[in-house]
Amino acid sequence: MSADGGTSHDYFDPEAPGHSDATPLLATAQQRAVVMVQNFEDPSQEWRRLCAEGVGTFFLVLVAAGGPMIDRAVPGSVGRTAAVVAPGLMVMAIILFMGKVSGAHLNPVVSLAFWLRRDFPLRRVPGYVVVQAAGALAAAWFLQSVLHVSAHVGSTYPASGFRGIDALWMEVVLTLGLVSVILGTASGAQQVGLFGALGVGGYIALAGLWASPISGASMNPFRTLCPDVVGADLTAWWVYVAGPLLGAILAVALAFLLRGPGGGRAGSLAAQGTIRPQIARPGKA
């Protein structure tokens, strides 16, 4: 879920105005950078991005589901505030350390939203979804095996006294906000990754602080479904599929109204990930 795109002025161009005196060393360095990018974008290297998505989703679910499960294993050790803030901090860290590799979607509805915005190719969506599910399942299995607590304890579900439809609408609105933040910070107007990391991580923590007592503030189908599958309890699973999907679609529509069509260079780089070594301009550190 990241914003690590950039614009062409982030990188040194020896043919740009004012840089005609670039040294052969700088030109050679740029050529090496171009080759690295071309090699990384080769379809045979897709495994790098898939690996990053799987690992990132593993750590997200490890923290999100792990908080309630550890609190059950060691009563009183993890309060609600810590449990809902921790996933936001983890997402912030994941975006910063691997956003440039895969885009740090960590969520199937984010991959869907980037595709609908024309920032992510459809052919890559299935692979992302599969590894996200695998990472989430592995995290839930790990927690259940180590803590000896059902993974369902780490899932999300409608609170007592609230109907499934109430939780559904809460998830729709929360996901609308989350995906809007992701798409907004992935746009060229918002520059690069640090803003995306702070915005997305902060939103997840804030949403959890006020809304988790109602629906659990999942905003991610795999964050809920995978602990449910491992814990063999699929209560109200439909809420956490339909809610985030509808919220993501509405966020894409809102992004179109606010900023027009997607498919720009910065948004595409943020969605797909890129390894592009920066080359310092002359006179700059």
C-alpha atoms as a PDB file:
ATOM      1  CA  MET A   1       0.000   0.000   0.000  1.00  0.00           C
ATOM      2  CA  SER A   2       2.784   2.757  -1.004  1.00  0.00           C
ATOM      3  CA  ALA A   3       3.601   6.011  -2.730  1.00  0.00           C
ATOM      4  CA  ASP A   4       7.124   5.501  -3.923  1.00  0.00           C
ATOM      5  CA  GLY A   5       6.667   6.948  -7.354  1.00  0.00           C
ATOM      6  CA  GLY A   6       8.716   9.896  -8.501  1.00  0.00           C
ATOM      7  CA  THR A   7       9.069  12.262 -11.412  1.00  0.00           C
ATOM      8  CA  SER A   8      11.776  12.451 -13.997  1.00  0.00           C
ATOM      9  CA  HIS A   9      13.471  15.408 -12.332  1.00  0.00           C
ATOM     10  CA  ASP A  10      14.413  13.166  -9.409  1.00  0.00           C
ATOM     11  CA  TYR A  11      17.205  11.645 -11.481  1.00  0.00           C
ATOM     12  CA  PHE A  12      20.170  13.108 -13.268  1.00  0.00           C
ATOM     13  CA  ASP A  13      19.813  13.437 -17.033  1.00  0.00           C
ATOM     14  CA  PRO A  14      23.080  14.243 -18.818  1.00  0.00           C
ATOM     15  CA  GLU A  15      21.143  15.605 -21.785  1.00  0.00           C
ATOM     16  CA  ALA A  16      18.991  17.942 -19.718  1.00  0.00           C
ATOM     17  CA  PRO A  17      19.498  21.705 -20.113  1.00  0.00           C
ATOM     18  CA  GLY A  18      22.349  22.935 -17.972  1.00  0.00           C
ATOM     19  CA  HIS A  19      24.062  19.546 -17.806  1.00  0.00           C
ATOM     20  CA  SER A  20      25.825  19.367 -21.170  1.00  0.00           C
ATOM     21  CA  ASP A  21      29.168  19.254 -19.344  1.00  0.00           C
ATOM     22  CA  ALA A  22      28.358  15.961 -17.603  1.00  0.00           C
ATOM     23  CA  THR A  23      31.418  13.827 -17.132  1.00  0.00           C
ATOM     24  CA  PRO A  24      31.804  10.407 -18.769  1.00  0.00           C
ATOM     25  CA  LEU A  25      31.690   8.902 -15.281  1.00  0.00           C
ATOM     26  CA  LEU A  26      28.197  10.254 -14.672  1.00  0.00           C
ATOM     27  CA  ALA A  27      27.035   9.157 -18.119  1.00  0.00           C
ATOM     28  CA  THR A  28      28.361   5.659 -17.479  1.00  0.00           C
ATOM     29  CA  ALA A  29      26.628   5.537 -14.096  1.00  0.00           C
ATOM     30  CA  GLN A  30      23.347   6.517 -15.712  1.00  0.00           C
ATOM     31  CA  GLN A  31      23.739   3.792 -18.324  1.00  0.00           C
ATOM     32  CA  ARG A  32      24.264   1.232 -15.578  1.00  0.00           C
ATOM     33  CA  ALA A  33      21.144   2.506 -13.816  1.00  0.00           C
ATOM     34  CA  VAL A  34      19.078   2.189 -16.999  1.00  0.00           C
ATOM     35  CA  VAL A  35      20.294  -1.401 -17.491  1.00  0.00           C
ATOM     36  CA  MET A  36      19.392  -2.270 -13.881  1.00  0.00           C
ATOM     37  CA  VAL A  37      15.877  -0.902 -14.333  1.00  0.00           C
ATOM     38  CA  GLN A  38      15.418  -2.759 -17.616  1.00  0.00           C
ATOM     39  CA  ASN A  39      16.595  -6.012 -16.060  1.00  0.00           C
ATOM     40  CA  PHE A  40      14.343  -5.577 -13.039  1.00  0.00           C
ATOM     41  CA  GLU A  41      11.277  -4.859 -15.188  1.00  0.00           C
ATOM     42  CA  ASP A  42      11.950  -8.007 -17.216  1.00  0.00           C
ATOM     43  CA  PRO A  43       9.032 -10.443 -16.656  1.00  0.00           C
ATOM     44  CA  SER A  44      11.525 -13.083 -15.575  1.00  0.00           C
ATOM     45  CA  GLN A  45      12.291 -10.903 -12.541  1.00  0.00           C
ATOM     46  CA  GLU A  46       8.667 -10.677 -11.360  1.00  0.00           C
ATOM     47  CA  TRP A  47       9.565 -13.059  -8.553  1.00  0.00           C
ATOM     48  CA  ARG A  48      11.271 -10.178  -6.750  1.00  0.00           C
ATOM     49  CA  ARG A  49       8.057  -8.213  -6.468  1.00  0.00           C
ATOM     50  CA  LEU A  50       6.037 -11.289  -5.581  1.00  0.00           C
ATOM     51  CA  CYS A  51       8.492 -12.179  -2.849  1.00  0.00           C
ATOM     52  CA  ALA A  52       8.275  -8.654  -1.454  1.00  0.00           C
ATOM     53  CA  GLU A  53       4.460  -8.729  -1.452  1.00  0.00           C
ATOM     54  CA  GLY A  54       4.346 -12.098   0.288  1.00  0.00           C
ATOM     55  CA  VAL A  55       6.843 -11.089   2.955  1.00  0.00           C
ATOM     56  CA  GLY A  56       5.209  -7.706   3.480  1.00  0.00           C
ATOM     57  CA  THR A  57       1.736  -9.195   3.873  1.00  0.00           C
ATOM     58  CA  PHE A  58       3.137 -11.787   6.268  1.00  0.00           C
ATOM     59  CA  PHE A  59       4.447  -9.091   8.590  1.00  0.00           C
ATOM     60  CA  LEU A  60       1.277  -7.017   8.319  1.00  0.00           C
ATOM     61  CA  VAL A  61      -0.949  -9.925   9.367  1.00  0.00           C
ATOM     62  CA  LEU A  62       1.624 -11.051  11.930  1.00  0.00           C
ATOM     63  CA  VAL A  63       1.170  -7.744  13.745  1.00  0.00           C
ATOM     64  CA  ALA A  64      -2.537  -7.182  13.045  1.00  0.00           C
ATOM     65  CA  ALA A  65      -3.663 -10.658  14.110  1.00  0.00           C
ATOM     66  CA  GLY A  66      -0.845 -11.125  16.598  1.00  0.00           C
ATOM     67  CA  GLY A  67      -1.932  -8.345  18.953  1.00  0.00           C
ATOM     68  CA  PRO A  68      -5.270  -9.896  19.969  1.00  0.00           C
ATOM     69  CA  MET A  69      -3.810 -13.394  19.979  1.00  0.00           C
ATOM     70  CA  ILE A  70      -0.936 -12.473  22.276  1.00  0.00           C
ATOM     71  CA  ASP A  71      -3.365 -10.658  24.551  1.00  0.00           C
ATOM     72  CA  ARG A  72      -5.400 -13.872  24.745  1.00  0.00           C
ATOM     73  CA  ALA A  73      -2.273 -15.947  25.437  1.00  0.00           C
ATOM     74  CA  VAL A  74      -0.981 -13.470  28.033  1.00  0.00           C
ATOM     75  CA  PRO A  75      -4.051 -11.627  29.369  1.00  0.00           C
ATOM     76  CA  GLY A  76      -3.626  -7.874  29.672  1.00  0.00           C
ATOM     77  CA  SER A  77      -0.326  -7.758  27.797  1.00  0.00           C
ATOM     78  CA  VAL A  78      -1.615  -5.957  24.677  1.00  0.00           C
ATOM     79  CA  GLY A  79      -4.314  -3.312  25.019  1.00  0.00           C
ATOM     80  CA  ARG A  80      -6.708  -2.287  22.252  1.00  0.00           C
ATOM     81  CA  THR A  81      -4.814   0.918  21.528  1.00  0.00           C
ATOM     82  CA  ALA A  82      -1.538  -0.911  20.976  1.00  0.00           C
ATOM     83  CA  ALA A  83      -3.259  -3.619  18.936  1.00  0.00           C
ATOM     84  CA  VAL A  84      -4.767  -1.163  16.440  1.00  0.00           C
ATOM     85  CA  VAL A  85      -1.803   1.212  16.199  1.00  0.00           C
ATOM     86  CA  ALA A  86       0.755  -1.553  15.605  1.00  0.00           C
ATOM     87  CA  PRO A  87      -0.520  -2.472  12.078  1.00  0.00           C
ATOM     88  CA  GLY A  88      -0.275   1.161  11.027  1.00  0.00           C
ATOM     89  CA  LEU A  89       3.322   1.373  12.204  1.00  0.00           C
ATOM     90  CA  MET A  90       4.139  -1.915  10.489  1.00  0.00           C
ATOM     91  CA  VAL A  91       2.653  -0.754   7.171  1.00  0.00           C
ATOM     92  CA  MET A  92       4.665   2.460   7.465  1.00  0.00           C
ATOM     93  CA  ALA A  93       7.857   0.448   7.912  1.00  0.00           C
ATOM     94  CA  ILE A  94       7.008  -1.955   5.076  1.00  0.00           C
ATOM     95  CA  ILE A  95       6.358   0.882   2.622  1.00  0.00           C
ATOM     96  CA  LEU A  96       9.685   2.459   3.475  1.00  0.00           C
ATOM     97  CA  PHE A  97      11.743  -0.714   3.192  1.00  0.00           C
ATOM     98  CA  MET A  98      10.136  -2.435   0.185  1.00  0.00           C
ATOM     99  CA  GLY A  99       7.748   0.010  -1.451  1.00  0.00           C
ATOM    100  CA  LYS A 100      10.159   0.586  -4.316  1.00  0.00           C
ATOM    101  CA  VAL A 101      10.319  -3.142  -4.994  1.00  0.00           C
ATOM    102  CA  SER A 102       6.652  -4.116  -5.315  1.00  0.00           C
ATOM    103  CA  GLY A 103       4.609  -1.021  -4.530  1.00  0.00           C
ATOM    104  CA  ALA A 104       3.741  -2.505  -1.106  1.00  0.00           C
ATOM    105  CA  HIS A 105       0.086  -3.254  -1.872  1.00  0.00           C
ATOM    106  CA  LEU A 106      -0.289  -5.851   0.931  1.00  0.00           C
ATOM    107  CA  ASN A 107      -4.000  -5.976   0.183  1.00  0.00           C
ATOM    108  CA  PRO A 108      -5.925  -7.410  -2.801  1.00  0.00           C
ATOM    109  CA  VAL A 109      -8.288  -4.448  -2.993  1.00  0.00           C
ATOM    110  CA  VAL A 110      -5.308  -2.100  -3.305  1.00  0.00           C
ATOM    111  CA  SER A 111      -4.024  -4.122  -6.271  1.00  0.00           C
ATOM    112  CA  LEU A 112      -7.522  -3.940  -7.758  1.00  0.00           C
ATOM    113  CA  ALA A 113      -7.706  -0.179  -7.216  1.00  0.00           C
ATOM    114  CA  PHE A 114      -4.330   0.437  -8.862  1.00  0.00           C
ATOM    115  CA  TRP A 115      -5.471  -1.653 -11.838  1.00  0.00           C
ATOM    116  CA  LEU A 116      -8.730   0.267 -12.129  1.00  0.00           C
ATOM    117  CA  ARG A 117      -6.715   3.493 -12.074  1.00  0.00           C
ATOM    118  CA  ARG A 118      -4.594   2.113 -14.965  1.00  0.00           C
ATOM    119  CA  ASP A 119      -1.488   2.252 -12.780  1.00  0.00           C
ATOM    120  CA  PHE A 120      -1.039  -1.523 -12.600  1.00  0.00           C
ATOM    121  CA  PRO A 121      -1.302  -4.149 -15.390  1.00  0.00           C
ATOM    122  CA  LEU A 122      -4.055  -6.744 -15.105  1.00  0.00           C
ATOM    123  CA  ARG A 123      -1.642  -9.587 -15.911  1.00  0.00           C
ATOM    124  CA  ARG A 124       0.176  -8.947 -12.622  1.00  0.00           C
ATOM    125  CA  VAL A 125      -2.876  -8.796 -10.369  1.00  0.00           C
ATOM    126  CA  PRO A 126      -3.377 -12.595  -9.959  1.00  0.00           C
ATOM    127  CA  GLY A 127       0.211 -13.132  -8.856  1.00  0.00           C
ATOM    128  CA  TYR A 128      -0.003 -10.349  -6.287  1.00  0.00           C
ATOM    129  CA  VAL A 129      -3.274 -11.688  -4.907  1.00  0.00           C
ATOM    130  CA  VAL A 130      -1.928 -15.229  -4.575  1.00  0.00           C
ATOM    131  CA  VAL A 131       1.221 -14.224  -2.690  1.00  0.00           C
ATOM    132  CA  GLN A 132      -0.711 -11.838  -0.459  1.00  0.00           C
ATOM    133  CA  ALA A 133      -3.002 -14.705   0.526  1.00  0.00           C
ATOM    134  CA  ALA A 134      -0.010 -17.001   1.062  1.00  0.00           C
ATOM    135  CA  GLY A 135       1.723 -14.453   3.274  1.00  0.00           C
ATOM    136  CA  ALA A 136      -1.390 -13.862   5.342  1.00  0.00           C
ATOM    137  CA  LEU A 137      -2.039 -17.606   5.756  1.00  0.00           C
ATOM    138  CA  ALA A 138       1.569 -18.205   6.790  1.00  0.00           C
ATOM    139  CA  ALA A 139       1.349 -15.470   9.428  1.00  0.00           C
ATOM    140  CA  ALA A 140      -1.903 -16.841  10.862  1.00  0.00           C
ATOM    141  CA  TRP A 141      -0.521 -20.385  10.931  1.00  0.00           C
ATOM    142  CA  PHE A 142       2.701 -19.210  12.590  1.00  0.00           C
ATOM    143  CA  LEU A 143       0.827 -17.325  15.308  1.00  0.00           C
ATOM    144  CA  GLN A 144      -1.539 -20.204  16.023  1.00  0.00           C
ATOM    145  CA  SER A 145       1.362 -22.670  16.195  1.00  0.00           C
ATOM    146  CA  VAL A 146       3.518 -20.543  18.477  1.00  0.00           C
ATOM    147  CA  LEU A 147       0.881 -19.006  20.748  1.00  0.00           C
ATOM    148  CA  HIS A 148      -1.426 -22.039  20.939  1.00  0.00           C
ATOM    149  CA  VAL A 149      -4.398 -19.726  20.479  1.00  0.00           C
ATOM    150  CA  SER A 150      -6.921 -20.092  17.653  1.00  0.00           C
ATOM    151  CA  ALA A 151      -6.061 -17.757  14.777  1.00  0.00           C
ATOM    152  CA  HIS A 152      -9.720 -16.712  14.713  1.00  0.00           C
ATOM    153  CA  VAL A 153      -9.001 -14.701  17.864  1.00  0.00           C
ATOM    154  CA  GLY A 154      -6.780 -12.508  15.711  1.00  0.00           C
ATOM    155  CA  SER A 155      -9.427 -12.010  13.044  1.00  0.00           C
ATOM    156  CA  THR A 156     -12.020  -9.249  12.824  1.00  0.00           C
ATOM    157  CA  TYR A 157     -15.784  -9.627  13.157  1.00  0.00           C
ATOM    158  CA  PRO A 158     -18.857  -7.498  13.885  1.00  0.00           C
ATOM    159  CA  ALA A 159     -19.034  -6.484  17.515  1.00  0.00           C
ATOM    160  CA  SER A 160     -21.686  -7.879  19.815  1.00  0.00           C
ATOM    161  CA  GLY A 161     -24.892  -5.906  19.404  1.00  0.00           C
ATOM    162  CA  PHE A 162     -24.130  -4.883  15.827  1.00  0.00           C
ATOM    163  CA  ARG A 163     -25.456  -6.536  12.683  1.00  0.00           C
ATOM    164  CA  GLY A 164     -23.301  -7.748   9.846  1.00  0.00           C
ATOM    165  CA  ILE A 165     -24.679  -4.985   7.641  1.00  0.00           C
ATOM    166  CA  ASP A 166     -23.525  -2.384  10.184  1.00  0.00           C
ATOM    167  CA  ALA A 167     -19.998  -3.749  10.054  1.00  0.00           C
ATOM    168  CA  LEU A 168     -20.224  -3.933   6.258  1.00  0.00           C
ATOM    169  CA  TRP A 169     -20.941  -0.228   5.872  1.00  0.00           C
ATOM    170  CA  MET A 170     -18.222   0.608   8.355  1.00  0.00           C
ATOM    171  CA  GLU A 171     -15.727  -1.398   6.289  1.00  0.00           C
ATOM    172  CA  VAL A 172     -16.927   0.300   3.089  1.00  0.00           C
ATOM    173  CA  VAL A 173     -16.325   3.773   4.503  1.00  0.00           C
ATOM    174  CA  LEU A 174     -13.025   2.895   6.156  1.00  0.00           C
ATOM    175  CA  THR A 175     -11.678   1.285   2.971  1.00  0.00           C
ATOM    176  CA  LEU A 176     -12.868   4.221   0.903  1.00  0.00           C
ATOM    177  CA  GLY A 177     -10.686   6.439   3.075  1.00  0.00           C
ATOM    178  CA  LEU A 178      -7.717   4.078   3.071  1.00  0.00           C
ATOM    179  CA  VAL A 179      -7.594   3.544  -0.683  1.00  0.00           C
ATOM    180  CA  SER A 180      -8.166   7.266  -1.266  1.00  0.00           C
ATOM    181  CA  VAL A 181      -5.092   7.994   0.848  1.00  0.00           C
ATOM    182  CA  ILE A 182      -3.079   5.375  -1.036  1.00  0.00           C
ATOM    183  CA  LEU A 183      -4.109   6.615  -4.484  1.00  0.00           C
ATOM    184  CA  GLY A 184      -3.648  10.232  -3.442  1.00  0.00           C
ATOM    185  CA  THR A 185      -0.157   9.820  -2.068  1.00  0.00           C
ATOM    186  CA  ALA A 186       0.806   7.732  -5.089  1.00  0.00           C
ATOM    187  CA  SER A 187       0.051  10.635  -7.415  1.00  0.00           C
ATOM    188  CA  GLY A 188       2.755  12.896  -8.806  1.00  0.00           C
ATOM    189  CA  ALA A 189       1.436  15.823  -6.764  1.00  0.00           C
ATOM    190  CA  GLN A 190       2.486  14.141  -3.544  1.00  0.00           C
ATOM    191  CA  GLN A 191       6.064  13.357  -4.613  1.00  0.00           C
ATOM    192  CA  VAL A 192       7.585  10.222  -3.064  1.00  0.00           C
ATOM    193  CA  GLY A 193       7.494   7.457  -0.480  1.00  0.00           C
ATOM    194  CA  LEU A 194       7.867   9.141   2.925  1.00  0.00           C
ATOM    195  CA  PHE A 195       4.558  10.961   2.542  1.00  0.00           C
ATOM    196  CA  GLY A 196       2.838   7.762   1.480  1.00  0.00           C
ATOM    197  CA  ALA A 197       4.275   5.826   4.408  1.00  0.00           C
ATOM    198  CA  LEU A 198       3.163   8.443   6.930  1.00  0.00           C
ATOM    199  CA  GLY A 199      -0.235   8.943   5.327  1.00  0.00           C
ATOM    200  CA  VAL A 200      -1.155   5.290   4.909  1.00  0.00           C
ATOM    201  CA  GLY A 201       0.298   4.105   8.222  1.00  0.00           C
ATOM    202  CA  GLY A 202      -1.280   7.011  10.081  1.00  0.00           C
ATOM    203  CA  TYR A 203      -4.672   6.380   8.489  1.00  0.00           C
ATOM    204  CA  ILE A 204      -4.649   2.690   9.448  1.00  0.00           C
ATOM    205  CA  ALA A 205      -3.810   3.544  13.060  1.00  0.00           C
ATOM    206  CA  LEU A 206      -6.441   6.299  13.215  1.00  0.00           C
ATOM    207  CA  ALA A 207      -9.159   4.131  11.672  1.00  0.00           C
ATOM    208  CA  GLY A 208      -8.422   1.385  14.152  1.00  0.00           C
ATOM    209  CA  LEU A 209      -8.508   3.726  17.130  1.00  0.00           C
ATOM    210  CA  TRP A 210     -12.070   4.882  16.542  1.00  0.00           C
ATOM    211  CA  ALA A 211     -13.706   2.163  14.421  1.00  0.00           C
ATOM    212  CA  SER A 212     -12.244  -1.147  15.567  1.00  0.00           C
ATOM    213  CA  PRO A 213     -14.871  -1.675  18.300  1.00  0.00           C
ATOM    214  CA  ILE A 214     -17.560  -1.950  15.578  1.00  0.00           C
ATOM    215  CA  SER A 215     -16.028  -3.974  12.736  1.00  0.00           C
ATOM    216  CA  GLY A 216     -12.393  -4.499  13.704  1.00  0.00           C
ATOM    217  CA  ALA A 217     -11.273  -1.957  11.052  1.00  0.00           C
ATOM    218  CA  SER A 218      -9.931  -4.664   8.759  1.00  0.00           C
ATOM    219  CA  MET A 219     -10.038  -2.893   5.356  1.00  0.00           C
ATOM    220  CA  ASN A 220      -8.255  -5.951   3.929  1.00  0.00           C
ATOM    221  CA  PRO A 221      -9.998  -9.240   3.008  1.00  0.00           C
ATOM    222  CA  PHE A 222      -6.936 -11.402   3.669  1.00  0.00           C
ATOM    223  CA  ARG A 223      -6.246  -9.786   7.026  1.00  0.00           C
ATOM    224  CA  THR A 224      -9.604 -11.260   8.130  1.00  0.00           C
ATOM    225  CA  LEU A 225     -10.167 -14.326   5.947  1.00  0.00           C
ATOM    226  CA  CYS A 226      -6.772 -15.973   6.432  1.00  0.00           C
ATOM    227  CA  PRO A 227      -6.903 -16.061  10.247  1.00  0.00           C
ATOM    228  CA  ASP A 228     -10.496 -17.303   9.880  1.00  0.00           C
ATOM    229  CA  VAL A 229      -9.402 -20.117   7.564  1.00  0.00           C
ATOM    230  CA  VAL A 230      -6.535 -21.197   9.813  1.00  0.00           C
ATOM    231  CA  GLY A 231      -8.808 -20.962  12.860  1.00  0.00           C
ATOM    232  CA  ALA A 232     -11.621 -22.826  11.031  1.00  0.00           C
ATOM    233  CA  ASP A 233     -14.250 -20.182  11.776  1.00  0.00           C
ATOM    234  CA  LEU A 234     -15.708 -18.162   8.885  1.00  0.00           C
ATOM    235  CA  THR A 235     -18.262 -16.128  10.822  1.00  0.00           C
ATOM    236  CA  ALA A 236     -19.415 -13.066   8.832  1.00  0.00           C
ATOM    237  CA  TRP A 237     -16.655 -13.550   6.266  1.00  0.00           C
ATOM    238  CA  TRP A 238     -18.744 -11.852   3.572  1.00  0.00           C
ATOM    239  CA  VAL A 239     -18.560  -8.533   5.433  1.00  0.00           C
ATOM    240  CA  TYR A 240     -14.791  -8.409   4.998  1.00  0.00           C
ATOM    241  CA  VAL A 241     -14.880  -9.274   1.308  1.00  0.00           C
ATOM    242  CA  ALA A 242     -17.760  -7.110   0.123  1.00  0.00           C
ATOM    243  CA  GLY A 243     -16.957  -4.119   2.326  1.00  0.00           C
ATOM    244  CA  PRO A 244     -13.341  -3.544   1.241  1.00  0.00           C
ATOM    245  CA  LEU A 245     -14.137  -4.320  -2.412  1.00  0.00           C
ATOM    246  CA  LEU A 246     -16.942  -1.776  -2.560  1.00  0.00           C
ATOM    247  CA  GLY A 247     -14.891   0.783  -0.652  1.00  0.00           C
ATOM    248  CA  ALA A 248     -11.970   0.411  -3.060  1.00  0.00           C
ATOM    249  CA  ILE A 249     -14.211   0.842  -6.112  1.00  0.00           C
ATOM    250  CA  LEU A 250     -15.718   3.985  -4.625  1.00  0.00           C
ATOM    251  CA  ALA A 251     -12.216   5.307  -3.891  1.00  0.00           C
ATOM    252  CA  VAL A 252     -11.232   4.852  -7.547  1.00  0.00           C
ATOM    253  CA  ALA A 253     -14.356   6.758  -8.607  1.00  0.00           C
ATOM    254  CA  LEU A 254     -13.512   9.539  -6.146  1.00  0.00           C
ATOM    255  CA  ALA A 255      -9.934   9.706  -7.434  1.00  0.00           C
ATOM    256  CA  PHE A 256     -11.280  10.142 -10.975  1.00  0.00           C
ATOM    257  CA  LEU A 257     -13.505  13.009  -9.839  1.00  0.00           C
ATOM    258  CA  LEU A 258     -10.689  14.718  -7.953  1.00  0.00           C
ATOM    259  CA  ARG A 259      -7.728  14.135 -10.273  1.00  0.00           C
ATOM    260  CA  GLY A 260      -9.040  12.706 -13.529  1.00  0.00           C
ATOM    261  CA  PRO A 261      -7.788   9.485 -15.165  1.00  0.00           C
ATOM    262  CA  GLY A 262      -4.829   7.602 -13.758  1.00  0.00           C
ATOM    263  CA  GLY A 263      -2.039   5.979 -15.696  1.00  0.00           C
ATOM    264  CA  GLY A 264       0.555   8.696 -15.132  1.00  0.00           C
ATOM    265  CA  ARG A 265       4.243   7.924 -14.670  1.00  0.00           C
ATOM    266  CA  ALA A 266       4.423   8.714 -10.950  1.00  0.00           C
ATOM    267  CA  GLY A 267       1.320   6.729 -10.043  1.00  0.00           C
ATOM    268  CA  SER A 268       2.459   3.768 -12.112  1.00  0.00           C
ATOM    269  CA  LEU A 269       5.886   3.729 -10.485  1.00  0.00           C
ATOM    270  CA  ALA A 270       4.259   3.850  -7.055  1.00  0.00           C
ATOM    271  CA  ALA A 271       1.875   1.023  -7.880  1.00  0.00           C
ATOM    272  CA  GLN A 272       4.351  -1.288  -9.605  1.00  0.00           C
ATOM    273  CA  GLY A 273       7.563  -0.572  -7.746  1.00  0.00           C
ATOM    274  CA  THR A 274      10.870   0.377  -9.288  1.00  0.00           C
ATOM    275  CA  ILE A 275      14.520   0.055  -8.415  1.00  0.00           C
ATOM    276  CA  ARG A 276      16.182   3.091  -9.865  1.00  0.00           C
ATOM    277  CA  PRO A 277      19.514   4.083  -8.295  1.00  0.00           C
ATOM    278  CA  GLN A 278      19.636   7.844  -7.901  1.00  0.00           C
ATOM    279  CA  ILE A 279      22.576   9.598  -9.491  1.00  0.00           C
ATOM    280  CA  ALA A 280      23.638  12.786  -7.792  1.00  0.00           C
ATOM    281  CA  ARG A 281      23.594  15.985  -9.784  1.00  0.00           C
ATOM    282  CA  PRO A 282      26.895  17.844 -10.144  1.00  0.00           C
ATOM    283  CA  GLY A 283      27.487  20.001  -7.096  1.00  0.00           C
ATOM    284  CA  LYS A 284      25.107  18.006  -4.878  1.00  0.00           C
ATOM    285  CA  ALA A 285      25.950  15.443  -2.228  1.00  0.00           C
END
